[in-house]
């Protein structure tokens, strides 16, 4: 069982990690880079899971080394589930990353963290409504007080084991953009999927964004 913790900087992601991993952590570099990540084996209701805490990232685009490497490792790392940790007091700013993660085709749950901070700012979030809008499970947490963290990992385990099912929404762009995405997606599936096992829509969107990493990846694979 392999779980990725992904979130923007200062979302409380590492606080959640530390509350379950404790002293058993090991820090390493992503292969061939200076980008550091932390990992540990943690016990979840009798099941041992490999938990990876990635550096904070605002997106999966290759605007810097950390973002491109997080994206690559998520796709190549055979993860069973992503826990997307979100700062509840910065929900609007956090959701673009969530929508990108949803395109990867990896099971996902949101850890809606720092609910106490959101409350102090007068922000009220109906997490059930957020679940309904996105079509993915949401667990509220206050990691600094270890509130909801255990429930988050119980939920993660139940999703991995198929005991909790859900249907993520399909995010659609404007019609003309969707037409271009569809054309790119078809070309990718026709020419690249035999050598590049990445979600074709995610890859099409990255090519449309003129993302250097994915553009070079396609050029190199396609000769």
C-alpha atoms as a PDB file:
ATOM      1  CA  UNK A   1       0.000   0.000   0.000  1.00  0.00           C
ATOM      2  CA  UNK A   2       1.691   3.197  -1.213  1.00  0.00           C
ATOM      3  CA  UNK A   3       0.302   6.649  -0.419  1.00  0.00           C
ATOM      4  CA  UNK A   4       1.464  10.085  -1.582  1.00  0.00           C
ATOM      5  CA  UNK A   5       0.942  13.242   0.465  1.00  0.00           C
ATOM      6  CA  UNK A   6       0.652  16.187  -1.919  1.00  0.00           C
ATOM      7  CA  UNK A   7      -0.250  19.790  -1.221  1.00  0.00           C
ATOM      8  CA  UNK A   8       0.776  23.397  -1.550  1.00  0.00           C
ATOM      9  CA  UNK A   9       3.411  24.911   0.756  1.00  0.00           C
ATOM     10  CA  UNK A  10       2.136  25.717   4.263  1.00  0.00           C
ATOM     11  CA  UNK A  11      -0.944  23.499   3.926  1.00  0.00           C
ATOM     12  CA  UNK A  12       0.005  21.488   7.015  1.00  0.00           C
ATOM     13  CA  UNK A  13       0.875  18.479   4.880  1.00  0.00           C
ATOM     14  CA  UNK A  14       4.086  17.682   6.726  1.00  0.00           C
ATOM     15  CA  UNK A  15       2.318  18.095  10.071  1.00  0.00           C
ATOM     16  CA  UNK A  16      -0.062  15.329   9.014  1.00  0.00           C
ATOM     17  CA  UNK A  17       2.900  13.237   7.903  1.00  0.00           C
ATOM     18  CA  UNK A  18       4.808  13.744  11.153  1.00  0.00           C
ATOM     19  CA  UNK A  19       1.780  12.877  13.266  1.00  0.00           C
ATOM     20  CA  UNK A  20       1.690   9.361  11.796  1.00  0.00           C
ATOM     21  CA  UNK A  21       5.326   8.755  10.817  1.00  0.00           C
ATOM     22  CA  UNK A  22       7.090   9.990  13.947  1.00  0.00           C
ATOM     23  CA  UNK A  23      10.798   9.289  14.202  1.00  0.00           C
ATOM     24  CA  UNK A  24      10.800   6.480  11.621  1.00  0.00           C
ATOM     25  CA  UNK A  25      11.206   8.853   8.663  1.00  0.00           C
ATOM     26  CA  UNK A  26      13.928   8.855   6.045  1.00  0.00           C
ATOM     27  CA  UNK A  27      14.731  11.823   3.808  1.00  0.00           C
ATOM     28  CA  UNK A  28      15.979  11.162   0.274  1.00  0.00           C
ATOM     29  CA  UNK A  29      16.395  12.932  -3.036  1.00  0.00           C
ATOM     30  CA  UNK A  30      14.108  12.161  -5.944  1.00  0.00           C
ATOM     31  CA  UNK A  31      16.252  10.134  -8.392  1.00  0.00           C
ATOM     32  CA  UNK A  32      18.814  12.263 -10.224  1.00  0.00           C
ATOM     33  CA  UNK A  33      17.740  15.523  -8.578  1.00  0.00           C
ATOM     34  CA  UNK A  34      18.329  17.720  -5.550  1.00  0.00           C
ATOM     35  CA  UNK A  35      14.595  17.663  -4.718  1.00  0.00           C
ATOM     36  CA  UNK A  36      14.082  16.112  -1.289  1.00  0.00           C
ATOM     37  CA  UNK A  37      11.147  14.054  -0.104  1.00  0.00           C
ATOM     38  CA  UNK A  38      10.418  12.197   3.118  1.00  0.00           C
ATOM     39  CA  UNK A  39       9.108   8.665   3.462  1.00  0.00           C
ATOM     40  CA  UNK A  40       8.185   6.217   6.170  1.00  0.00           C
ATOM     41  CA  UNK A  41       6.360   2.982   6.768  1.00  0.00           C
ATOM     42  CA  UNK A  42       3.299   3.612   8.904  1.00  0.00           C
ATOM     43  CA  UNK A  43       0.683   1.323  10.395  1.00  0.00           C
ATOM     44  CA  UNK A  44      -2.945   1.955   9.438  1.00  0.00           C
ATOM     45  CA  UNK A  45      -5.382  -0.182  11.419  1.00  0.00           C
ATOM     46  CA  UNK A  46      -3.126  -3.218  11.214  1.00  0.00           C
ATOM     47  CA  UNK A  47      -1.981  -2.547   7.651  1.00  0.00           C
ATOM     48  CA  UNK A  48       1.504  -1.248   6.880  1.00  0.00           C
ATOM     49  CA  UNK A  49       1.628   1.537   4.294  1.00  0.00           C
ATOM     50  CA  UNK A  50       4.519   3.236   2.536  1.00  0.00           C
ATOM     51  CA  UNK A  51       3.866   6.967   3.005  1.00  0.00           C
ATOM     52  CA  UNK A  52       5.679   9.564   0.881  1.00  0.00           C
ATOM     53  CA  UNK A  53       5.600  13.268   1.787  1.00  0.00           C
ATOM     54  CA  UNK A  54       6.420  15.318  -1.318  1.00  0.00           C
ATOM     55  CA  UNK A  55       7.725  18.885  -1.190  1.00  0.00           C
ATOM     56  CA  UNK A  56       5.019  21.541  -1.343  1.00  0.00           C
ATOM     57  CA  UNK A  57       3.959  22.325  -4.895  1.00  0.00           C
ATOM     58  CA  UNK A  58       1.489  24.774  -6.412  1.00  0.00           C
ATOM     59  CA  UNK A  59       0.917  22.800  -9.596  1.00  0.00           C
ATOM     60  CA  UNK A  60       2.053  19.802 -11.644  1.00  0.00           C
ATOM     61  CA  UNK A  61       3.532  22.020 -14.347  1.00  0.00           C
ATOM     62  CA  UNK A  62       7.286  22.099 -14.841  1.00  0.00           C
ATOM     63  CA  UNK A  63       7.807  25.737 -13.869  1.00  0.00           C
ATOM     64  CA  UNK A  64      10.547  24.624 -11.469  1.00  0.00           C
ATOM     65  CA  UNK A  65      12.457  21.449 -10.684  1.00  0.00           C
ATOM     66  CA  UNK A  66      10.374  20.495  -7.653  1.00  0.00           C
ATOM     67  CA  UNK A  67       7.059  20.704  -9.509  1.00  0.00           C
ATOM     68  CA  UNK A  68       8.257  18.737 -12.534  1.00  0.00           C
ATOM     69  CA  UNK A  69       9.811  16.023 -10.365  1.00  0.00           C
ATOM     70  CA  UNK A  70       6.748  15.672  -8.124  1.00  0.00           C
ATOM     71  CA  UNK A  71       4.597  15.270 -11.219  1.00  0.00           C
ATOM     72  CA  UNK A  72       6.953  12.699 -12.750  1.00  0.00           C
ATOM     73  CA  UNK A  73       7.315  10.663  -9.567  1.00  0.00           C
ATOM     74  CA  UNK A  74       3.561  10.588  -8.982  1.00  0.00           C
ATOM     75  CA  UNK A  75       3.070   9.141 -12.462  1.00  0.00           C
ATOM     76  CA  UNK A  76       5.958   6.677 -12.273  1.00  0.00           C
ATOM     77  CA  UNK A  77       5.773   5.716  -8.597  1.00  0.00           C
ATOM     78  CA  UNK A  78       2.888   3.204  -8.652  1.00  0.00           C
ATOM     79  CA  UNK A  79       0.935   4.973  -5.924  1.00  0.00           C
ATOM     80  CA  UNK A  80      -2.286   3.419  -4.669  1.00  0.00           C
ATOM     81  CA  UNK A  81      -3.695   6.734  -3.477  1.00  0.00           C
ATOM     82  CA  UNK A  82      -3.009  10.461  -3.193  1.00  0.00           C
ATOM     83  CA  UNK A  83      -3.915  12.415  -0.073  1.00  0.00           C
ATOM     84  CA  UNK A  84      -4.258  16.000  -1.266  1.00  0.00           C
ATOM     85  CA  UNK A  85      -3.804  18.228   1.781  1.00  0.00           C
ATOM     86  CA  UNK A  86      -5.542  21.594   1.447  1.00  0.00           C
ATOM     87  CA  UNK A  87      -5.396  24.672   3.650  1.00  0.00           C
ATOM     88  CA  UNK A  88      -9.102  25.256   4.303  1.00  0.00           C
ATOM     89  CA  UNK A  89      -8.480  28.972   4.785  1.00  0.00           C
ATOM     90  CA  UNK A  90      -7.061  29.143   1.226  1.00  0.00           C
ATOM     91  CA  UNK A  91      -9.522  26.835  -0.510  1.00  0.00           C
ATOM     92  CA  UNK A  92      -9.892  28.773  -3.759  1.00  0.00           C
ATOM     93  CA  UNK A  93      -6.143  29.011  -4.251  1.00  0.00           C
ATOM     94  CA  UNK A  94      -5.690  25.300  -3.509  1.00  0.00           C
ATOM     95  CA  UNK A  95      -8.249  23.714  -5.829  1.00  0.00           C
ATOM     96  CA  UNK A  96      -6.363  24.146  -9.148  1.00  0.00           C
ATOM     97  CA  UNK A  97      -3.784  21.625  -7.890  1.00  0.00           C
ATOM     98  CA  UNK A  98      -6.611  19.311  -6.814  1.00  0.00           C
ATOM     99  CA  UNK A  99      -8.098  19.401 -10.313  1.00  0.00           C
ATOM    100  CA  UNK A 100      -4.700  18.534 -11.795  1.00  0.00           C
ATOM    101  CA  UNK A 101      -4.266  15.618  -9.405  1.00  0.00           C
ATOM    102  CA  UNK A 102      -7.696  14.316 -10.362  1.00  0.00           C
ATOM    103  CA  UNK A 103      -6.498  14.017 -13.976  1.00  0.00           C
ATOM    104  CA  UNK A 104      -3.802  11.490 -13.022  1.00  0.00           C
ATOM    105  CA  UNK A 105      -6.240   8.618 -12.633  1.00  0.00           C
ATOM    106  CA  UNK A 106      -4.895   7.763  -9.170  1.00  0.00           C
ATOM    107  CA  UNK A 107      -7.449   7.358  -6.345  1.00  0.00           C
ATOM    108  CA  UNK A 108      -7.554  10.552  -4.296  1.00  0.00           C
ATOM    109  CA  UNK A 109      -8.911  11.889  -1.022  1.00  0.00           C
ATOM    110  CA  UNK A 110      -8.796  15.470   0.221  1.00  0.00           C
ATOM    111  CA  UNK A 111      -7.488  16.239   3.684  1.00  0.00           C
ATOM    112  CA  UNK A 112      -9.208  19.583   4.309  1.00  0.00           C
ATOM    113  CA  UNK A 113      -6.763  20.838   6.889  1.00  0.00           C
ATOM    114  CA  UNK A 114      -6.487  23.915   9.124  1.00  0.00           C
ATOM    115  CA  UNK A 115     -10.235  24.080   9.655  1.00  0.00           C
ATOM    116  CA  UNK A 116      -9.605  26.017  12.860  1.00  0.00           C
ATOM    117  CA  UNK A 117      -7.717  28.701  10.930  1.00  0.00           C
ATOM    118  CA  UNK A 118     -10.549  28.938   8.412  1.00  0.00           C
ATOM    119  CA  UNK A 119     -13.035  29.359  11.256  1.00  0.00           C
ATOM    120  CA  UNK A 120     -10.935  32.141  12.785  1.00  0.00           C
ATOM    121  CA  UNK A 121     -11.102  33.952   9.459  1.00  0.00           C
ATOM    122  CA  UNK A 122     -14.877  33.590   9.379  1.00  0.00           C
ATOM    123  CA  UNK A 123     -14.769  31.006   6.590  1.00  0.00           C
ATOM    124  CA  UNK A 124     -17.347  28.228   6.716  1.00  0.00           C
ATOM    125  CA  UNK A 125     -16.911  25.215   4.446  1.00  0.00           C
ATOM    126  CA  UNK A 126     -19.519  22.532   3.895  1.00  0.00           C
ATOM    127  CA  UNK A 127     -17.182  19.607   3.271  1.00  0.00           C
ATOM    128  CA  UNK A 128     -20.092  17.382   2.218  1.00  0.00           C
ATOM    129  CA  UNK A 129     -20.979  19.901  -0.488  1.00  0.00           C
ATOM    130  CA  UNK A 130     -17.339  20.004  -1.577  1.00  0.00           C
ATOM    131  CA  UNK A 131     -17.418  16.202  -1.871  1.00  0.00           C
ATOM    132  CA  UNK A 132     -20.540  16.478  -4.005  1.00  0.00           C
ATOM    133  CA  UNK A 133     -19.066  19.150  -6.282  1.00  0.00           C
ATOM    134  CA  UNK A 134     -15.755  17.362  -6.884  1.00  0.00           C
ATOM    135  CA  UNK A 135     -17.010  13.800  -6.626  1.00  0.00           C
ATOM    136  CA  UNK A 136     -14.143  12.784  -4.338  1.00  0.00           C
ATOM    137  CA  UNK A 137     -13.999  12.042  -0.582  1.00  0.00           C
ATOM    138  CA  UNK A 138     -13.155  14.884   1.815  1.00  0.00           C
ATOM    139  CA  UNK A 139     -12.024  14.534   5.438  1.00  0.00           C
ATOM    140  CA  UNK A 140     -11.682  17.624   7.632  1.00  0.00           C
ATOM    141  CA  UNK A 141      -8.593  17.843   9.844  1.00  0.00           C
ATOM    142  CA  UNK A 142      -6.766  20.106  12.264  1.00  0.00           C
ATOM    143  CA  UNK A 143      -3.361  18.470  12.029  1.00  0.00           C
ATOM    144  CA  UNK A 144      -1.730  20.787  14.573  1.00  0.00           C
ATOM    145  CA  UNK A 145      -4.067  19.277  17.191  1.00  0.00           C
ATOM    146  CA  UNK A 146      -4.109  15.797  15.619  1.00  0.00           C
ATOM    147  CA  UNK A 147      -7.841  16.121  14.953  1.00  0.00           C
ATOM    148  CA  UNK A 148      -9.272  14.069  12.101  1.00  0.00           C
ATOM    149  CA  UNK A 149      -5.884  12.675  11.056  1.00  0.00           C
ATOM    150  CA  UNK A 150      -6.683   9.097  12.041  1.00  0.00           C
ATOM    151  CA  UNK A 151     -10.044   9.344  10.258  1.00  0.00           C
ATOM    152  CA  UNK A 152      -8.236  10.600   7.152  1.00  0.00           C
ATOM    153  CA  UNK A 153      -6.033   7.511   7.014  1.00  0.00           C
ATOM    154  CA  UNK A 154      -8.919   5.162   7.813  1.00  0.00           C
ATOM    155  CA  UNK A 155     -10.737   6.702   4.839  1.00  0.00           C
ATOM    156  CA  UNK A 156      -7.632   6.354   2.672  1.00  0.00           C
ATOM    157  CA  UNK A 157      -7.326   2.670   3.545  1.00  0.00           C
ATOM    158  CA  UNK A 158     -11.000   2.010   2.817  1.00  0.00           C
ATOM    159  CA  UNK A 159     -10.642   3.616  -0.627  1.00  0.00           C
ATOM    160  CA  UNK A 160      -7.561   1.563  -1.486  1.00  0.00           C
ATOM    161  CA  UNK A 161      -9.308  -1.630  -0.384  1.00  0.00           C
ATOM    162  CA  UNK A 162     -12.395  -0.805  -2.450  1.00  0.00           C
ATOM    163  CA  UNK A 163     -14.695  -0.374   0.545  1.00  0.00           C
ATOM    164  CA  UNK A 164     -15.413   3.281  -0.263  1.00  0.00           C
ATOM    165  CA  UNK A 165     -16.313   4.065  -3.860  1.00  0.00           C
ATOM    166  CA  UNK A 166     -16.779   7.437  -5.522  1.00  0.00           C
ATOM    167  CA  UNK A 167     -17.001   9.010  -8.971  1.00  0.00           C
ATOM    168  CA  UNK A 168     -14.836  12.087  -9.627  1.00  0.00           C
ATOM    169  CA  UNK A 169     -16.258  14.798 -11.815  1.00  0.00           C
ATOM    170  CA  UNK A 170     -14.877  15.314 -15.297  1.00  0.00           C
ATOM    171  CA  UNK A 171     -13.450  18.809 -15.568  1.00  0.00           C
ATOM    172  CA  UNK A 172     -14.301  20.383 -18.922  1.00  0.00           C
ATOM    173  CA  UNK A 173     -12.724  23.448 -20.473  1.00  0.00           C
ATOM    174  CA  UNK A 174     -14.350  25.730 -23.037  1.00  0.00           C
ATOM    175  CA  UNK A 175     -15.662  23.923 -26.105  1.00  0.00           C
ATOM    176  CA  UNK A 176     -12.900  25.014 -28.498  1.00  0.00           C
ATOM    177  CA  UNK A 177     -10.234  24.049 -25.954  1.00  0.00           C
ATOM    178  CA  UNK A 178     -11.879  20.664 -25.390  1.00  0.00           C
ATOM    179  CA  UNK A 179     -11.791  20.026 -29.139  1.00  0.00           C
ATOM    180  CA  UNK A 180      -8.027  20.585 -29.225  1.00  0.00           C
ATOM    181  CA  UNK A 181      -7.544  18.425 -26.118  1.00  0.00           C
ATOM    182  CA  UNK A 182      -9.555  15.642 -27.772  1.00  0.00           C
ATOM    183  CA  UNK A 183      -7.377  15.795 -30.900  1.00  0.00           C
ATOM    184  CA  UNK A 184      -4.163  15.681 -28.880  1.00  0.00           C
ATOM    185  CA  UNK A 185      -5.537  12.890 -26.690  1.00  0.00           C
ATOM    186  CA  UNK A 186      -6.397  10.803 -29.757  1.00  0.00           C
ATOM    187  CA  UNK A 187      -2.918  11.321 -31.221  1.00  0.00           C
ATOM    188  CA  UNK A 188      -1.286  10.359 -27.921  1.00  0.00           C
ATOM    189  CA  UNK A 189      -3.369   7.200 -27.623  1.00  0.00           C
ATOM    190  CA  UNK A 190      -2.583   6.265 -31.211  1.00  0.00           C
ATOM    191  CA  UNK A 191       1.160   6.907 -31.159  1.00  0.00           C
ATOM    192  CA  UNK A 192       2.486   6.986 -27.614  1.00  0.00           C
ATOM    193  CA  UNK A 193       0.582   4.850 -25.124  1.00  0.00           C
ATOM    194  CA  UNK A 194       2.560   1.734 -26.059  1.00  0.00           C
ATOM    195  CA  UNK A 195       5.728   3.420 -24.761  1.00  0.00           C
ATOM    196  CA  UNK A 196       4.397   6.004 -22.312  1.00  0.00           C
ATOM    197  CA  UNK A 197       1.862   4.836 -19.768  1.00  0.00           C
ATOM    198  CA  UNK A 198       0.620   8.280 -18.713  1.00  0.00           C
ATOM    199  CA  UNK A 199      -3.027   9.428 -18.643  1.00  0.00           C
ATOM    200  CA  UNK A 200      -3.625  10.670 -22.177  1.00  0.00           C
ATOM    201  CA  UNK A 201      -5.857  13.598 -21.217  1.00  0.00           C
ATOM    202  CA  UNK A 202      -3.399  14.845 -18.585  1.00  0.00           C
ATOM    203  CA  UNK A 203      -0.587  14.647 -21.123  1.00  0.00           C
ATOM    204  CA  UNK A 204      -2.698  16.416 -23.766  1.00  0.00           C
ATOM    205  CA  UNK A 205      -3.418  19.289 -21.374  1.00  0.00           C
ATOM    206  CA  UNK A 206       0.282  19.629 -20.515  1.00  0.00           C
ATOM    207  CA  UNK A 207       1.186  19.748 -24.217  1.00  0.00           C
ATOM    208  CA  UNK A 208      -1.469  22.400 -24.760  1.00  0.00           C
ATOM    209  CA  UNK A 209       0.079  24.382 -21.903  1.00  0.00           C
ATOM    210  CA  UNK A 210       3.424  24.121 -23.764  1.00  0.00           C
ATOM    211  CA  UNK A 211       4.942  22.450 -20.708  1.00  0.00           C
ATOM    212  CA  UNK A 212       8.643  21.960 -21.462  1.00  0.00           C
ATOM    213  CA  UNK A 213       9.065  18.717 -19.544  1.00  0.00           C
ATOM    214  CA  UNK A 214       6.131  16.894 -21.151  1.00  0.00           C
ATOM    215  CA  UNK A 215       6.836  18.396 -24.569  1.00  0.00           C
ATOM    216  CA  UNK A 216      10.403  17.050 -24.489  1.00  0.00           C
ATOM    217  CA  UNK A 217       9.155  13.732 -23.135  1.00  0.00           C
ATOM    218  CA  UNK A 218       6.832  13.290 -26.114  1.00  0.00           C
ATOM    219  CA  UNK A 219       9.489  14.392 -28.618  1.00  0.00           C
ATOM    220  CA  UNK A 220      12.026  11.939 -27.210  1.00  0.00           C
ATOM    221  CA  UNK A 221       9.567   9.034 -27.101  1.00  0.00           C
ATOM    222  CA  UNK A 222       8.232   9.754 -30.580  1.00  0.00           C
ATOM    223  CA  UNK A 223      11.621  10.199 -32.163  1.00  0.00           C
END
